[in-house]
N, C-alpha and C. Protein backbone atom coordinates (compact mmCIF):
# COMPACT_ATOMS: atom_id res chain seq x y z
N UNK A 1 7.47 1.53 -0.89
CA UNK A 1 6.08 2.18 -0.24
C UNK A 1 5.68 1.22 0.29
N UNK A 2 6.16 0.32 1.43
CA UNK A 2 5.34 -0.24 2.04
C UNK A 2 5.61 -0.62 3.07
N UNK A 3 6.84 0.31 3.25
CA UNK A 3 8.17 1.19 4.43
C UNK A 3 7.39 1.46 5.05
N UNK A 4 6.98 2.67 4.36
CA UNK A 4 6.05 4.20 4.75
C UNK A 4 4.88 3.28 5.43
N UNK A 5 4.29 1.98 5.35
CA UNK A 5 2.93 1.19 6.04
C UNK A 5 3.67 1.55 7.39
N UNK A 6 5.13 1.17 7.07
CA UNK A 6 5.15 0.66 8.51
C UNK A 6 4.90 1.21 10.24
N UNK A 7 5.34 0.88 11.57
CA UNK A 7 4.47 2.08 12.39
C UNK A 7 6.24 1.57 13.67
N UNK A 8 7.43 0.68 13.12
CA UNK A 8 7.99 1.00 14.18
C UNK A 8 9.66 1.57 12.38
N UNK A 9 10.22 2.41 13.49
CA UNK A 9 12.07 2.01 12.54
C UNK A 9 12.59 0.35 11.89
N UNK A 10 12.29 -0.18 13.14
CA UNK A 10 12.42 -1.68 13.03
C UNK A 10 11.91 -2.64 11.67
N UNK A 11 10.65 -2.54 11.95
CA UNK A 11 9.48 -3.26 10.77
C UNK A 11 10.55 -2.75 9.19
N UNK A 12 10.45 -0.65 9.40
CA UNK A 12 11.37 -0.40 8.10
C UNK A 12 12.05 -0.70 8.25
N UNK A 13 13.35 -0.66 8.99
CA UNK A 13 14.64 -1.64 8.19
C UNK A 13 14.70 -3.04 7.71
N UNK A 14 14.11 -3.82 8.73
CA UNK A 14 13.62 -5.14 8.45
C UNK A 14 12.97 -5.36 6.87
N UNK A 15 12.03 -4.56 6.14
CA UNK A 15 11.16 -3.98 4.50
C UNK A 15 13.55 -4.32 3.79
N UNK A 16 13.86 -2.66 4.31
CA UNK A 16 14.86 -2.84 3.81
C UNK A 16 15.72 -4.21 3.99
N UNK A 17 16.52 -4.53 4.51
CA UNK A 17 16.86 -5.87 4.86
C UNK A 17 15.96 -6.00 3.56
N UNK A 18 15.47 -6.66 3.71
CA UNK A 18 14.47 -7.68 2.33
C UNK A 18 14.64 -7.43 1.18
N UNK A 19 14.61 -6.01 0.79
CA UNK A 19 14.84 -5.70 -0.36
C UNK A 19 16.06 -5.70 -0.86
N UNK A 20 17.39 -5.80 0.52
CA UNK A 20 18.42 -5.45 0.05
C UNK A 20 19.19 -7.54 0.41
N UNK A 21 18.30 -8.56 0.39
CA UNK A 21 18.83 -9.45 1.03
C UNK A 21 18.22 -10.52 0.16
N UNK A 22 17.23 -9.56 -0.21
CA UNK A 22 15.81 -11.38 -0.46
C UNK A 22 15.01 -11.36 0.28
N UNK A 23 13.46 -11.50 -0.40
CA UNK A 23 12.09 -11.94 -0.15
C UNK A 23 12.28 -13.51 0.83
N UNK A 24 12.96 -15.02 0.30
CA UNK A 24 13.19 -15.96 0.63
C UNK A 24 11.40 -16.45 0.41
N UNK A 25 10.16 -16.22 -0.18
CA UNK A 25 9.86 -16.75 -0.02
C UNK A 25 9.51 -17.67 -1.97
N UNK A 26 9.07 -18.26 -1.55
CA UNK A 26 8.74 -19.60 -2.82
C UNK A 26 8.43 -18.52 -3.43
N UNK A 27 7.28 -18.44 -3.77
CA UNK A 27 6.13 -18.04 -4.55
C UNK A 27 6.57 -16.35 -5.51
N UNK A 28 7.34 -15.26 -4.05
CA UNK A 28 8.04 -14.39 -5.09
C UNK A 28 9.34 -14.36 -6.19
N UNK A 29 9.46 -15.81 -5.39
CA UNK A 29 11.14 -15.62 -6.44
C UNK A 29 10.64 -15.74 -8.22
N UNK A 30 9.44 -17.20 -7.47
CA UNK A 30 9.09 -18.02 -9.10
C UNK A 30 8.31 -15.89 -9.77
N UNK A 31 8.31 -15.48 -9.30
CA UNK A 31 7.58 -14.05 -9.87
C UNK A 31 7.94 -13.01 -10.04
N UNK A 32 9.37 -13.22 -9.17
CA UNK A 32 10.33 -12.08 -9.20
C UNK A 32 11.41 -12.71 -10.96
N UNK A 33 11.47 -13.64 -10.38
CA UNK A 33 12.94 -15.00 -11.23
C UNK A 33 12.12 -15.12 -12.50
N UNK A 34 11.30 -15.12 -13.10
CA UNK A 34 10.38 -15.14 -14.34
C UNK A 34 10.29 -14.50 -15.66
N UNK A 35 10.41 -13.26 -16.07
CA UNK A 35 9.08 -12.83 -16.90
C UNK A 35 7.54 -12.85 -17.23
N UNK A 36 7.68 -14.60 -17.08
CA UNK A 36 6.44 -15.15 -17.71
C UNK A 36 5.00 -14.74 -16.48
N UNK A 37 5.59 -14.70 -15.42
CA UNK A 37 5.38 -13.67 -14.47
C UNK A 37 5.08 -12.53 -13.79
N UNK A 38 5.67 -11.76 -14.67
CA UNK A 38 5.94 -10.40 -13.88
C UNK A 38 4.48 -9.63 -14.14
N UNK A 39 3.31 -9.93 -15.31
CA UNK A 39 2.49 -9.66 -15.96
C UNK A 39 2.71 -7.96 -16.24
N UNK A 40 1.83 -6.96 -15.75
CA UNK A 40 1.11 -7.11 -15.03
C UNK A 40 -0.11 -7.76 -15.80
N UNK A 41 -1.47 -8.14 -15.23
CA UNK A 41 -1.79 -8.40 -14.24
C UNK A 41 -3.42 -8.40 -14.25
N UNK A 42 -4.98 -8.72 -14.92
CA UNK A 42 -5.69 -7.29 -15.00
C UNK A 42 -7.20 -9.21 -14.94
N UNK A 43 -8.39 -8.24 -14.87
CA UNK A 43 -9.40 -9.77 -15.26
C UNK A 43 -9.92 -9.39 -15.42
N UNK A 44 -10.98 -9.14 -16.62
CA UNK A 44 -11.14 -9.58 -17.85
C UNK A 44 -13.06 -8.51 -17.30
N UNK A 45 -13.53 -8.75 -16.67
CA UNK A 45 -15.27 -8.69 -15.40
C UNK A 45 -14.71 -8.24 -13.88
N UNK A 46 -14.84 -7.48 -14.38
CA UNK A 46 -14.80 -5.82 -12.68
C UNK A 46 -15.54 -7.14 -11.70
N UNK A 47 -16.95 -7.58 -11.80
CA UNK A 47 -16.93 -8.55 -10.86
C UNK A 47 -16.47 -9.80 -10.39
N UNK A 48 -15.53 -10.16 -11.11
CA UNK A 48 -14.69 -10.93 -10.70
C UNK A 48 -14.06 -11.56 -9.20
N UNK A 49 -13.69 -9.95 -9.24
CA UNK A 49 -13.18 -8.93 -8.52
C UNK A 49 -13.47 -9.03 -6.52
N UNK A 50 -15.28 -9.77 -6.64
CA UNK A 50 -16.10 -9.56 -6.20
C UNK A 50 -15.99 -10.29 -5.48
N UNK A 51 -15.80 -11.95 -6.09
CA UNK A 51 -15.96 -13.25 -5.96
C UNK A 51 -14.75 -14.59 -5.83
N UNK A 52 -13.79 -13.84 -5.47
CA UNK A 52 -12.66 -14.25 -5.40
C UNK A 52 -13.07 -16.19 -4.99
N UNK A 53 -13.77 -15.63 -3.34
CA UNK A 53 -13.77 -17.46 -3.08
C UNK A 53 -14.92 -18.56 -3.71
N UNK A 54 -16.07 -17.25 -5.02
CA UNK A 54 -16.86 -18.22 -5.15
C UNK A 54 -15.88 -18.70 -6.88
N UNK A 55 -15.44 -18.39 -7.17
CA UNK A 55 -14.52 -19.10 -8.87
C UNK A 55 -12.65 -19.43 -8.17
N UNK A 56 -12.68 -19.32 -7.36
CA UNK A 56 -11.31 -20.35 -6.62
C UNK A 56 -10.16 -19.24 -6.90
N UNK A 57 -10.56 -18.11 -6.59
CA UNK A 57 -9.45 -17.37 -7.49
C UNK A 57 -9.20 -16.63 -6.21
N UNK A 58 -7.95 -15.24 -5.98
CA UNK A 58 -7.19 -14.72 -4.96
C UNK A 58 -7.17 -13.30 -5.11
N UNK A 59 -7.98 -13.38 -3.99
CA UNK A 59 -9.06 -11.92 -3.43
C UNK A 59 -7.89 -10.76 -3.48
N UNK A 60 -7.56 -10.42 -5.02
CA UNK A 60 -6.90 -9.26 -4.51
C UNK A 60 -7.92 -7.59 -4.39
N UNK A 61 -8.06 -7.56 -3.75
CA UNK A 61 -8.91 -7.04 -3.51
C UNK A 61 -8.37 -6.14 -1.84
N UNK A 62 -8.61 -8.01 -0.92
CA UNK A 62 -7.62 -8.61 -0.08
C UNK A 62 -6.24 -7.66 0.18
N UNK A 63 -5.46 -7.89 -0.39
CA UNK A 63 -4.02 -7.66 -0.65
C UNK A 63 -3.38 -8.16 -2.11
N UNK A 64 -2.73 -7.71 -3.16
CA UNK A 64 -2.28 -7.90 -3.92
C UNK A 64 -1.43 -9.10 -3.85
N UNK A 65 -0.96 -9.69 -4.71
CA UNK A 65 -0.37 -11.66 -4.30
C UNK A 65 1.44 -11.09 -4.07
N UNK A 66 2.26 -10.65 -5.05
CA UNK A 66 3.09 -9.73 -4.91
C UNK A 66 4.07 -9.66 -3.70
N UNK A 67 2.15 -8.71 -2.67
CA UNK A 67 2.60 -7.87 -1.52
C UNK A 67 2.79 -8.55 -0.18
N UNK A 68 1.43 -9.84 -0.59
CA UNK A 68 1.14 -11.14 0.03
C UNK A 68 2.81 -12.22 0.36
N UNK A 69 3.30 -11.70 -0.79
CA UNK A 69 4.37 -12.21 -0.95
C UNK A 69 5.71 -11.87 0.45
N UNK A 70 5.86 -10.77 -0.19
CA UNK A 70 6.96 -10.04 0.22
C UNK A 70 6.23 -9.49 1.70
N UNK A 71 5.26 -10.02 2.78
CA UNK A 71 4.33 -10.51 4.03
C UNK A 71 5.24 -11.71 4.91
N UNK A 72 4.88 -12.85 4.19
CA UNK A 72 5.00 -14.11 4.40
C UNK A 72 6.11 -14.71 4.36
N UNK A 73 7.63 -13.47 3.03
CA UNK A 73 8.55 -14.00 3.55
C UNK A 73 9.17 -12.82 4.55
N UNK A 74 8.87 -11.89 4.77
CA UNK A 74 9.28 -10.78 6.02
C UNK A 74 8.93 -11.47 7.95
N UNK A 75 7.67 -12.78 7.68
CA UNK A 75 7.46 -13.38 8.96
C UNK A 75 8.21 -14.60 8.92
N UNK A 76 8.45 -15.17 7.62
CA UNK A 76 8.97 -15.90 7.51
C UNK A 76 11.20 -15.49 8.37
N UNK A 77 11.18 -14.78 7.51
CA UNK A 77 12.88 -14.70 8.30
C UNK A 77 13.03 -13.65 9.54
N UNK A 78 11.89 -13.18 10.31
CA UNK A 78 11.35 -12.05 11.55
C UNK A 78 10.90 -12.52 12.31
N UNK A 79 9.90 -13.05 11.91
CA UNK A 79 9.10 -14.10 12.41
C UNK A 79 8.02 -13.56 13.61
N UNK A 80 7.48 -12.33 12.29
CA UNK A 80 5.80 -11.40 13.05
C UNK A 80 5.88 -11.04 11.72
N UNK A 81 3.57 -11.14 11.57
CA UNK A 81 2.99 -11.16 10.86
C UNK A 81 2.87 -9.17 10.01
N UNK A 82 3.87 -9.09 9.14
CA UNK A 82 3.00 -7.83 9.07
C UNK A 82 1.68 -7.71 8.37
N UNK A 83 1.16 -8.60 8.26
CA UNK A 83 -0.03 -8.32 6.91
C UNK A 83 -1.72 -7.99 7.56
N UNK A 84 -1.86 -7.61 9.15
CA UNK A 84 -2.77 -6.69 9.07
C UNK A 84 -2.13 -4.93 9.34
N UNK A 85 -0.64 -5.14 9.24
CA UNK A 85 -0.48 -3.36 9.64
C UNK A 85 0.23 -3.20 7.80
N UNK A 86 0.11 -3.87 6.69
CA UNK A 86 -0.02 -3.82 5.87
C UNK A 86 -1.34 -3.19 4.83
N UNK A 87 -2.32 -4.64 5.29
CA UNK A 87 -3.99 -4.72 4.99
C UNK A 87 -4.52 -2.87 5.00
N UNK A 88 -4.41 -2.43 6.99
CA UNK A 88 -4.82 -1.30 7.77
C UNK A 88 -3.91 -0.71 5.79
N UNK A 89 -2.91 0.07 6.39
CA UNK A 89 -3.12 1.29 5.27
C UNK A 89 -2.89 1.35 3.64
N UNK A 90 -3.61 -0.04 3.53
CA UNK A 90 -3.94 0.29 2.04
C UNK A 90 -5.13 0.07 1.45
N UNK A 91 -5.38 0.98 0.26
CA UNK A 91 -6.96 1.18 0.11
C UNK A 91 -7.57 0.47 -1.02
N UNK A 92 -8.23 -0.17 -1.35
CA UNK A 92 -8.67 -0.81 -1.05
C UNK A 92 -9.72 -0.31 -3.45
N UNK A 93 -8.87 -0.89 -4.28
CA UNK A 93 -9.21 0.29 -5.53
C UNK A 93 -8.93 -1.21 -6.59
N UNK A 94 -10.32 -0.16 -8.14
CA UNK A 94 -10.44 -0.86 -9.20
C UNK A 94 -9.18 0.09 -10.30
N UNK A 95 -7.84 -0.26 -11.16
CA UNK A 95 -8.48 0.21 -11.98
C UNK A 95 -8.13 -0.60 -13.11
N UNK A 96 -9.14 0.73 -14.09
CA UNK A 96 -9.74 0.65 -15.29
C UNK A 96 -8.03 1.18 -16.26
N UNK A 97 -7.80 0.29 -17.70
CA UNK A 97 -7.38 0.86 -18.69
C UNK A 97 -7.32 0.19 -19.74
N UNK A 98 -7.73 1.00 -20.39
CA UNK A 98 -7.17 -0.05 -22.31
C UNK A 98 -5.76 0.24 -21.72
N UNK A 99 -5.81 -0.79 -23.97
CA UNK A 99 -4.63 -1.33 -23.78
C UNK A 99 -4.44 -1.72 -25.69
N UNK A 100 -3.75 -1.71 -26.10
CA UNK A 100 -4.23 -1.86 -28.30
C UNK A 100 -3.12 -3.19 -27.66
N UNK A 101 -2.76 -3.93 -26.92
CA UNK A 101 -2.75 -5.64 -26.83
C UNK A 101 -3.25 -6.07 -27.66
N UNK A 102 -3.80 -7.37 -28.37
CA UNK A 102 -3.89 -7.55 -29.17
C UNK A 102 -4.76 -8.87 -28.36
N UNK A 103 -5.62 -9.09 -28.61
CA UNK A 103 -5.92 -10.12 -27.32
C UNK A 103 -6.54 -11.41 -28.35
N UNK A 104 -5.91 -12.90 -28.38
CA UNK A 104 -7.09 -14.50 -28.78
C UNK A 104 -9.38 -13.57 -28.60
N UNK A 105 -9.51 -13.88 -29.79
CA UNK A 105 -10.88 -14.49 -30.17
C UNK A 105 -11.70 -14.40 -29.30
N UNK A 106 -11.00 -15.68 -28.41
CA UNK A 106 -11.87 -16.64 -26.88
C UNK A 106 -12.88 -14.78 -26.52
N UNK A 107 -11.91 -13.95 -26.43
CA UNK A 107 -12.70 -12.61 -24.65
C UNK A 107 -13.54 -12.71 -25.39
N UNK A 108 -13.93 -12.44 -26.66
CA UNK A 108 -15.06 -12.59 -26.85
C UNK A 108 -16.60 -14.08 -26.21
N UNK A 109 -16.35 -15.09 -26.77
CA UNK A 109 -17.06 -15.68 -26.17
C UNK A 109 -17.22 -14.96 -24.00
N UNK A 110 -16.37 -15.19 -23.84
CA UNK A 110 -16.37 -15.12 -21.92
C UNK A 110 -17.51 -14.04 -21.77
N UNK A 111 -17.09 -13.13 -22.45
CA UNK A 111 -17.64 -11.32 -22.23
C UNK A 111 -19.33 -12.10 -21.66
N UNK A 112 -19.60 -13.01 -23.57
CA UNK A 112 -20.59 -13.11 -24.05
C UNK A 112 -21.44 -13.94 -22.77
N UNK A 113 -20.62 -15.35 -22.77
CA UNK A 113 -21.01 -16.12 -21.10
C UNK A 113 -21.24 -14.88 -19.86
N UNK A 114 -20.41 -13.81 -19.87
CA UNK A 114 -20.54 -13.51 -18.26
C UNK A 114 -22.55 -12.64 -18.55
N UNK A 115 -22.56 -11.51 -19.28
CA UNK A 115 -23.77 -11.76 -20.09
C UNK A 115 -25.32 -12.28 -19.82
N UNK A 116 -24.61 -13.57 -20.46
CA UNK A 116 -25.31 -14.38 -20.16
C UNK A 116 -26.33 -14.73 -19.04
N UNK A 117 -25.48 -15.06 -18.16
CA UNK A 117 -25.21 -15.60 -17.09
C UNK A 117 -25.83 -13.97 -16.12
N UNK A 118 -25.48 -12.79 -15.84
CA UNK A 118 -25.90 -12.06 -15.17
C UNK A 118 -27.48 -11.73 -15.61
N UNK A 119 -27.42 -11.75 -17.27
CA UNK A 119 -29.70 -11.58 -17.92
C UNK A 119 -30.09 -12.84 -17.49
N UNK A 120 -29.81 -14.55 -17.14
CA UNK A 120 -30.36 -15.61 -16.33
C UNK A 120 -30.02 -15.86 -15.85
N UNK A 121 -29.34 -14.49 -14.21
CA UNK A 121 -29.95 -14.74 -12.40
C UNK A 121 -29.30 -16.29 -12.48
N UNK A 122 -28.59 -16.52 -13.25
CA UNK A 122 -26.98 -17.70 -13.09
C UNK A 122 -26.41 -17.38 -12.53
N UNK A 123 -25.92 -18.13 -11.25
CA UNK A 123 -24.29 -18.49 -10.49
C UNK A 123 -23.28 -17.84 -11.45
N UNK A 124 -22.14 -17.07 -10.73
CA UNK A 124 -21.85 -16.93 -11.22
C UNK A 124 -20.45 -17.69 -11.20
N UNK A 125 -19.54 -17.86 -12.39
CA UNK A 125 -18.95 -19.26 -13.37
C UNK A 125 -17.51 -18.54 -13.53
N UNK A 126 -16.50 -19.37 -12.99
CA UNK A 126 -15.03 -18.61 -13.57
C UNK A 126 -15.51 -19.03 -14.97
N UNK A 127 -15.54 -19.21 -15.86
CA UNK A 127 -15.27 -19.79 -17.55
C UNK A 127 -16.16 -18.26 -17.35
N UNK A 128 -16.45 -17.51 -16.77
CA UNK A 128 -17.55 -16.38 -17.24
C UNK A 128 -16.25 -15.01 -17.04
N UNK A 129 -14.94 -15.33 -16.92
CA UNK A 129 -13.35 -14.38 -16.47
C UNK A 129 -12.73 -14.86 -16.86
N UNK A 130 -11.32 -13.87 -17.43
CA UNK A 130 -10.26 -14.63 -17.99
C UNK A 130 -9.65 -13.70 -17.42
N UNK A 131 -8.10 -14.01 -18.17
CA UNK A 131 -7.35 -12.08 -17.10
C UNK A 131 -6.17 -11.51 -18.90
N UNK A 132 -6.23 -10.96 -18.07
CA UNK A 132 -5.33 -10.33 -18.16
C UNK A 132 -3.90 -9.65 -19.04
N UNK A 133 -3.30 -10.05 -19.50
CA UNK A 133 -1.73 -10.66 -19.02
C UNK A 133 -0.66 -9.30 -19.89
N UNK A 134 -0.55 -8.28 -19.57
CA UNK A 134 1.01 -7.25 -19.83
C UNK A 134 1.48 -7.64 -20.27
N UNK A 135 2.63 -9.23 -19.80
CA UNK A 135 3.69 -9.85 -20.55
C UNK A 135 4.16 -8.37 -20.17
N UNK A 136 4.98 -7.94 -18.40
CA UNK A 136 5.69 -7.22 -18.24
C UNK A 136 5.95 -5.96 -18.84
N UNK A 137 5.15 -5.53 -19.72
CA UNK A 137 4.92 -4.29 -19.46
C UNK A 137 3.91 -3.40 -19.76
N UNK A 138 4.54 -1.83 -19.14
CA UNK A 138 3.95 -1.45 -17.75
C UNK A 138 3.03 -1.12 -18.76
N UNK A 139 1.80 -0.54 -18.16
CA UNK A 139 0.24 0.35 -18.04
C UNK A 139 0.34 1.67 -17.52
N UNK A 140 0.82 2.40 -19.05
CA UNK A 140 1.77 3.81 -18.82
C UNK A 140 0.20 4.48 -18.02
N UNK A 141 0.59 5.91 -17.42
CA UNK A 141 -0.61 6.46 -16.25
C UNK A 141 -1.76 7.25 -18.37
N UNK A 142 -1.79 6.94 -18.43
CA UNK A 142 -2.41 8.12 -19.90
C UNK A 142 -3.25 6.54 -20.27
N UNK A 143 -2.55 5.00 -20.37
CA UNK A 143 -3.71 3.77 -20.55
C UNK A 143 -4.66 3.83 -19.66
N UNK A 144 -4.79 4.89 -18.14
CA UNK A 144 -5.18 4.88 -16.71
C UNK A 144 -6.82 5.59 -17.65
N UNK A 145 -7.83 4.98 -17.38
CA UNK A 145 -9.32 5.57 -17.56
C UNK A 145 -9.86 6.04 -15.81
N UNK A 146 -9.41 5.25 -15.56
CA UNK A 146 -10.55 5.44 -14.10
C UNK A 146 -9.71 4.87 -12.79
N UNK A 147 -10.11 4.54 -11.39
CA UNK A 147 -9.76 4.76 -10.31
C UNK A 147 -11.34 4.33 -9.72
N UNK A 148 -11.64 3.40 -8.88
CA UNK A 148 -12.25 3.24 -9.01
C UNK A 148 -12.20 3.14 -7.00
N UNK A 149 -12.59 4.04 -6.24
CA UNK A 149 -12.20 3.54 -4.08
C UNK A 149 -12.97 2.68 -4.12
N UNK A 150 -13.13 1.91 -3.32
CA UNK A 150 -13.99 1.46 -2.95
C UNK A 150 -14.63 0.85 -1.68
C-alpha cells in the first residue's frame, strides 16, 4: 500500500527493500516482534482522536504509529524523509466497529467520566478514555459499522 503512494520508482524500490530486508526502526521492531503489541488498537472515546496532544497520546489522525515507524526506518536507511509524501496520500478517517470481546468493568467508569466532563464543560481528560486491544485478532469486515472521512 505505501509503495503506491511513492512518486518515484526509486522510492517504491526502497520501500520494497525495507519490506524484504527489515525496517530497522526500534519501535517497528517492538510492535512487529511481540504479539503483545500487535493490536489492532482503538479508542473508546472518539473525541480523544481530536485532542491527542492534550492527553499526551499519539496523533493517529495525522499518521498511524506503525506507518510513522516505517517512515522513520526509511529515513534512517535511505537518508530522506517520505513522511510528507505518505501523509499527503492518506485520508483521515474514523472507523467505528463492534466487537464481541469481553472487556473489563472499568469501561463503564471511563464512559461515565467522559459524559460527566461533557455535561459539566470540563476540560478533556486522559482519564476519560481507554484503549481497546484486539490482541492480534483482525477486525472482520462485517464488524465495521461506519467509516467517517474527515
